[in-house]
Amino acid sequence: MVKKILFVCSGNLDRSPTAEALLKGKEGFEAKSAGILIGARRRLSKNLIDWADIIFAMEEIHKTAILGISPSAKNKVFVLGIPNMYVRNDPELVKVLKERISQYLDVKW
């Protein structure tokens, strides 16, 4: 069975799209990303939250936003603790994402 993973950050520009790209094409996973800000590239919605089996929030503020939209999602939201200090596909961001995601998912990098 395919696990549907949603990554959430602020603007959906750097952290969550990088994480989404890491899981794209990985067997057993389907990934999407979204941001909580009004101007986000893809804005977080109840439909996206409902779609996901697991949601990775980059920071606590993102988890708060997710639960503000859908309180029932609380058991599928995990905070990775990755601050907004990276650019998209930054090698250090990729390294940190792989380490943190691997704590929750059995994925072959």
N, C-alpha and C. Protein backbone atom coordinates (compact mmCIF):
# COMPACT_ATOMS: atom_id res chain seq x y z
N MET A 1 0.84 -1.20 0.00
CA MET A 1 0.00 0.00 0.00
C MET A 1 0.87 1.25 0.00
N VAL A 2 0.52 2.21 -0.80
CA VAL A 2 1.27 3.46 -0.92
C VAL A 2 0.94 4.37 0.26
N LYS A 3 2.00 4.92 0.89
CA LYS A 3 1.81 5.90 1.95
C LYS A 3 1.82 7.29 1.33
N LYS A 4 0.79 8.07 1.66
CA LYS A 4 0.68 9.43 1.14
C LYS A 4 1.25 10.40 2.17
N ILE A 5 2.31 11.10 1.78
CA ILE A 5 3.05 11.97 2.68
C ILE A 5 2.90 13.42 2.25
N LEU A 6 2.55 14.28 3.21
CA LEU A 6 2.45 15.72 2.96
C LEU A 6 3.50 16.44 3.78
N PHE A 7 4.27 17.31 3.13
CA PHE A 7 5.26 18.14 3.81
C PHE A 7 4.75 19.57 3.84
N VAL A 8 4.85 20.20 5.01
CA VAL A 8 4.30 21.55 5.17
C VAL A 8 5.36 22.50 5.72
N CYS A 9 5.53 23.65 5.05
CA CYS A 9 6.39 24.72 5.55
C CYS A 9 5.63 26.04 5.41
N SER A 10 6.34 27.14 5.32
CA SER A 10 5.67 28.44 5.28
C SER A 10 5.21 28.83 3.88
N GLY A 11 6.15 29.02 2.96
CA GLY A 11 5.81 29.50 1.63
C GLY A 11 5.77 28.45 0.56
N ASN A 12 6.10 27.19 0.91
CA ASN A 12 6.16 26.10 -0.06
C ASN A 12 7.15 26.43 -1.18
N LEU A 13 8.26 27.04 -0.79
CA LEU A 13 9.30 27.42 -1.76
C LEU A 13 10.58 26.62 -1.61
N ASP A 14 11.00 26.35 -0.37
CA ASP A 14 12.31 25.74 -0.15
C ASP A 14 12.24 24.38 0.57
N ARG A 15 11.85 24.40 1.83
CA ARG A 15 11.92 23.17 2.63
C ARG A 15 10.96 22.08 2.18
N SER A 16 9.66 22.38 2.12
CA SER A 16 8.71 21.31 1.78
C SER A 16 8.84 20.82 0.33
N PRO A 17 9.10 21.69 -0.67
CA PRO A 17 9.32 21.15 -2.02
C PRO A 17 10.58 20.28 -2.11
N THR A 18 11.62 20.63 -1.35
CA THR A 18 12.83 19.80 -1.33
C THR A 18 12.50 18.42 -0.76
N ALA A 19 11.74 18.39 0.32
CA ALA A 19 11.34 17.12 0.93
C ALA A 19 10.46 16.31 -0.01
N GLU A 20 9.53 16.99 -0.66
CA GLU A 20 8.64 16.31 -1.63
C GLU A 20 9.47 15.66 -2.73
N ALA A 21 10.45 16.38 -3.24
CA ALA A 21 11.31 15.86 -4.32
C ALA A 21 12.09 14.63 -3.87
N LEU A 22 12.48 14.59 -2.59
CA LEU A 22 13.23 13.43 -2.08
C LEU A 22 12.41 12.14 -2.16
N LEU A 23 11.10 12.24 -1.94
CA LEU A 23 10.25 11.04 -1.95
C LEU A 23 9.64 10.75 -3.31
N LYS A 24 9.70 11.71 -4.24
CA LYS A 24 9.14 11.49 -5.58
C LYS A 24 9.85 10.29 -6.22
N GLY A 25 9.06 9.36 -6.70
CA GLY A 25 9.62 8.21 -7.38
C GLY A 25 10.09 7.10 -6.45
N LYS A 26 10.01 7.32 -5.14
CA LYS A 26 10.38 6.26 -4.19
C LYS A 26 9.22 5.27 -4.10
N GLU A 27 9.53 4.01 -4.24
CA GLU A 27 8.51 2.98 -4.21
C GLU A 27 7.79 2.97 -2.86
N GLY A 28 6.47 2.94 -2.92
CA GLY A 28 5.67 2.87 -1.70
C GLY A 28 5.26 4.22 -1.14
N PHE A 29 5.66 5.30 -1.82
CA PHE A 29 5.34 6.63 -1.32
C PHE A 29 4.76 7.52 -2.42
N GLU A 30 3.84 8.36 -2.02
CA GLU A 30 3.35 9.45 -2.86
C GLU A 30 3.52 10.70 -2.01
N ALA A 31 4.13 11.74 -2.56
CA ALA A 31 4.43 12.93 -1.77
C ALA A 31 3.86 14.19 -2.40
N LYS A 32 3.42 15.10 -1.52
CA LYS A 32 2.99 16.43 -1.92
C LYS A 32 3.54 17.41 -0.89
N SER A 33 3.51 18.69 -1.23
CA SER A 33 3.96 19.71 -0.28
C SER A 33 3.03 20.91 -0.34
N ALA A 34 3.05 21.69 0.74
CA ALA A 34 2.19 22.87 0.82
C ALA A 34 2.78 23.85 1.82
N GLY A 35 2.30 25.09 1.75
CA GLY A 35 2.73 26.13 2.69
C GLY A 35 1.53 26.72 3.39
N ILE A 36 1.78 27.32 4.55
CA ILE A 36 0.68 27.88 5.35
C ILE A 36 0.38 29.35 5.03
N LEU A 37 1.30 30.02 4.35
CA LEU A 37 1.11 31.45 4.08
C LEU A 37 0.14 31.69 2.92
N ILE A 38 -0.51 32.84 2.93
CA ILE A 38 -1.47 33.18 1.88
C ILE A 38 -0.83 33.13 0.49
N GLY A 39 0.42 33.58 0.39
CA GLY A 39 1.10 33.59 -0.90
C GLY A 39 1.87 32.33 -1.22
N ALA A 40 1.63 31.25 -0.51
CA ALA A 40 2.37 30.00 -0.72
C ALA A 40 2.16 29.48 -2.14
N ARG A 41 3.19 28.84 -2.67
CA ARG A 41 3.13 28.26 -4.01
C ARG A 41 1.94 27.29 -4.11
N ARG A 42 1.82 26.38 -3.15
CA ARG A 42 0.63 25.54 -3.01
C ARG A 42 0.16 25.72 -1.58
N ARG A 43 -1.02 26.24 -1.40
CA ARG A 43 -1.53 26.58 -0.07
C ARG A 43 -2.11 25.36 0.63
N LEU A 44 -1.78 25.21 1.90
CA LEU A 44 -2.32 24.13 2.72
C LEU A 44 -3.85 24.20 2.73
N SER A 45 -4.49 23.04 2.58
CA SER A 45 -5.95 22.99 2.57
C SER A 45 -6.43 21.75 3.32
N LYS A 46 -7.71 21.76 3.67
CA LYS A 46 -8.29 20.59 4.33
C LYS A 46 -8.22 19.38 3.42
N ASN A 47 -8.40 19.57 2.13
CA ASN A 47 -8.31 18.45 1.18
C ASN A 47 -6.94 17.79 1.21
N LEU A 48 -5.89 18.61 1.24
CA LEU A 48 -4.53 18.05 1.31
C LEU A 48 -4.30 17.31 2.63
N ILE A 49 -4.78 17.91 3.72
CA ILE A 49 -4.63 17.27 5.03
C ILE A 49 -5.35 15.93 5.05
N ASP A 50 -6.57 15.91 4.53
CA ASP A 50 -7.36 14.67 4.49
C ASP A 50 -6.72 13.63 3.58
N TRP A 51 -6.08 14.07 2.50
CA TRP A 51 -5.43 13.17 1.55
C TRP A 51 -4.28 12.41 2.19
N ALA A 52 -3.54 13.07 3.08
CA ALA A 52 -2.29 12.52 3.60
C ALA A 52 -2.50 11.46 4.67
N ASP A 53 -1.63 10.44 4.62
CA ASP A 53 -1.56 9.45 5.70
C ASP A 53 -0.66 9.97 6.82
N ILE A 54 0.41 10.66 6.43
CA ILE A 54 1.37 11.23 7.38
C ILE A 54 1.69 12.65 6.92
N ILE A 55 1.75 13.57 7.88
CA ILE A 55 2.08 14.96 7.57
C ILE A 55 3.32 15.35 8.36
N PHE A 56 4.32 15.85 7.65
CA PHE A 56 5.53 16.35 8.29
C PHE A 56 5.52 17.87 8.24
N ALA A 57 5.44 18.48 9.42
CA ALA A 57 5.53 19.93 9.55
C ALA A 57 6.98 20.28 9.80
N MET A 58 7.48 21.32 9.16
CA MET A 58 8.87 21.71 9.37
C MET A 58 9.09 22.30 10.76
N GLU A 59 8.10 23.06 11.26
CA GLU A 59 8.21 23.70 12.57
C GLU A 59 6.88 23.61 13.30
N GLU A 60 6.89 23.89 14.61
CA GLU A 60 5.67 23.84 15.43
C GLU A 60 4.56 24.74 14.88
N ILE A 61 4.93 25.93 14.36
CA ILE A 61 3.93 26.85 13.83
C ILE A 61 3.15 26.22 12.68
N HIS A 62 3.81 25.36 11.92
CA HIS A 62 3.14 24.68 10.81
C HIS A 62 2.16 23.63 11.33
N LYS A 63 2.57 22.92 12.40
CA LYS A 63 1.67 21.95 13.03
C LYS A 63 0.43 22.67 13.56
N THR A 64 0.63 23.81 14.19
CA THR A 64 -0.49 24.59 14.72
C THR A 64 -1.46 24.98 13.60
N ALA A 65 -0.92 25.39 12.47
CA ALA A 65 -1.76 25.76 11.32
C ALA A 65 -2.53 24.55 10.79
N ILE A 66 -1.88 23.41 10.70
CA ILE A 66 -2.53 22.18 10.22
C ILE A 66 -3.70 21.83 11.13
N LEU A 67 -3.44 21.83 12.45
CA LEU A 67 -4.48 21.45 13.40
C LEU A 67 -5.58 22.51 13.49
N GLY A 68 -5.25 23.76 13.14
CA GLY A 68 -6.27 24.80 13.08
C GLY A 68 -7.28 24.55 11.98
N ILE A 69 -6.82 23.94 10.90
CA ILE A 69 -7.69 23.60 9.78
C ILE A 69 -8.42 22.28 10.04
N SER A 70 -7.68 21.32 10.61
CA SER A 70 -8.23 19.98 10.81
C SER A 70 -7.73 19.38 12.13
N PRO A 71 -8.40 19.68 13.24
CA PRO A 71 -7.97 19.16 14.54
C PRO A 71 -7.88 17.63 14.59
N SER A 72 -8.67 16.95 13.77
CA SER A 72 -8.66 15.49 13.79
C SER A 72 -7.37 14.89 13.20
N ALA A 73 -6.52 15.73 12.62
CA ALA A 73 -5.27 15.25 12.02
C ALA A 73 -4.15 15.08 13.05
N LYS A 74 -4.43 15.34 14.32
CA LYS A 74 -3.36 15.42 15.32
C LYS A 74 -2.50 14.16 15.42
N ASN A 75 -3.05 12.99 15.15
CA ASN A 75 -2.28 11.76 15.28
C ASN A 75 -1.41 11.44 14.07
N LYS A 76 -1.52 12.25 13.02
CA LYS A 76 -0.70 11.98 11.83
C LYS A 76 0.26 13.13 11.51
N VAL A 77 0.39 14.09 12.42
CA VAL A 77 1.28 15.24 12.20
C VAL A 77 2.53 15.10 13.07
N PHE A 78 3.69 15.22 12.43
CA PHE A 78 4.97 15.14 13.12
C PHE A 78 5.81 16.36 12.76
N VAL A 79 6.49 16.93 13.74
CA VAL A 79 7.32 18.12 13.52
C VAL A 79 8.77 17.69 13.32
N LEU A 80 9.35 18.09 12.18
CA LEU A 80 10.74 17.74 11.87
C LEU A 80 11.73 18.69 12.52
N GLY A 81 11.30 19.88 12.91
CA GLY A 81 12.20 20.83 13.56
C GLY A 81 13.28 21.38 12.65
N ILE A 82 12.90 21.76 11.45
CA ILE A 82 13.85 22.31 10.48
C ILE A 82 13.53 23.78 10.26
N PRO A 83 14.41 24.67 10.74
CA PRO A 83 14.15 26.12 10.64
C PRO A 83 14.24 26.64 9.21
N ASN A 84 13.66 27.82 9.00
CA ASN A 84 13.62 28.44 7.68
C ASN A 84 14.94 29.17 7.40
N MET A 85 16.00 28.40 7.16
CA MET A 85 17.31 28.99 6.92
C MET A 85 18.01 28.37 5.72
N TYR A 86 17.26 27.59 4.96
CA TYR A 86 17.84 26.90 3.82
C TYR A 86 17.18 27.35 2.52
N VAL A 87 17.92 27.22 1.43
CA VAL A 87 17.34 27.42 0.11
C VAL A 87 16.99 26.05 -0.47
N ARG A 88 16.15 26.06 -1.47
CA ARG A 88 15.69 24.82 -2.09
C ARG A 88 16.87 23.97 -2.57
N ASN A 89 16.80 22.69 -2.24
CA ASN A 89 17.80 21.68 -2.64
C ASN A 89 19.18 21.92 -2.06
N ASP A 90 19.29 22.74 -1.03
CA ASP A 90 20.56 22.93 -0.32
C ASP A 90 21.05 21.57 0.16
N PRO A 91 22.31 21.19 -0.13
CA PRO A 91 22.81 19.87 0.28
C PRO A 91 22.67 19.62 1.80
N GLU A 92 22.84 20.64 2.60
CA GLU A 92 22.69 20.49 4.05
C GLU A 92 21.22 20.22 4.40
N LEU A 93 20.30 20.91 3.73
CA LEU A 93 18.87 20.67 3.94
C LEU A 93 18.51 19.24 3.56
N VAL A 94 19.01 18.78 2.44
CA VAL A 94 18.75 17.41 1.99
C VAL A 94 19.23 16.40 3.03
N LYS A 95 20.42 16.63 3.55
CA LYS A 95 21.00 15.74 4.57
C LYS A 95 20.13 15.70 5.83
N VAL A 96 19.73 16.88 6.31
CA VAL A 96 18.90 16.97 7.52
C VAL A 96 17.53 16.34 7.28
N LEU A 97 16.92 16.61 6.13
CA LEU A 97 15.62 16.01 5.82
C LEU A 97 15.70 14.49 5.81
N LYS A 98 16.70 13.92 5.17
CA LYS A 98 16.85 12.47 5.13
C LYS A 98 16.98 11.89 6.54
N GLU A 99 17.79 12.54 7.38
CA GLU A 99 17.97 12.07 8.76
C GLU A 99 16.65 12.10 9.52
N ARG A 100 15.95 13.23 9.45
CA ARG A 100 14.71 13.39 10.23
C ARG A 100 13.58 12.50 9.71
N ILE A 101 13.42 12.44 8.39
CA ILE A 101 12.35 11.62 7.80
C ILE A 101 12.58 10.14 8.11
N SER A 102 13.84 9.73 8.12
CA SER A 102 14.17 8.32 8.39
C SER A 102 13.79 7.89 9.81
N GLN A 103 13.60 8.84 10.70
CA GLN A 103 13.15 8.50 12.06
C GLN A 103 11.70 8.02 12.06
N TYR A 104 10.96 8.35 11.01
CA TYR A 104 9.54 8.01 10.94
C TYR A 104 9.19 7.02 9.83
N LEU A 105 9.94 7.07 8.75
CA LEU A 105 9.64 6.22 7.59
C LEU A 105 10.82 5.32 7.26
N ASP A 106 10.49 4.12 6.80
CA ASP A 106 11.52 3.20 6.33
C ASP A 106 11.67 3.43 4.83
N VAL A 107 12.62 4.31 4.49
CA VAL A 107 12.81 4.69 3.09
C VAL A 107 14.27 4.50 2.71
N LYS A 108 14.48 3.99 1.52
CA LYS A 108 15.84 3.76 1.01
C LYS A 108 16.28 5.00 0.23
N TRP A 109 17.29 5.69 0.72
CA TRP A 109 17.78 6.88 0.03
C TRP A 109 18.79 6.46 -1.00
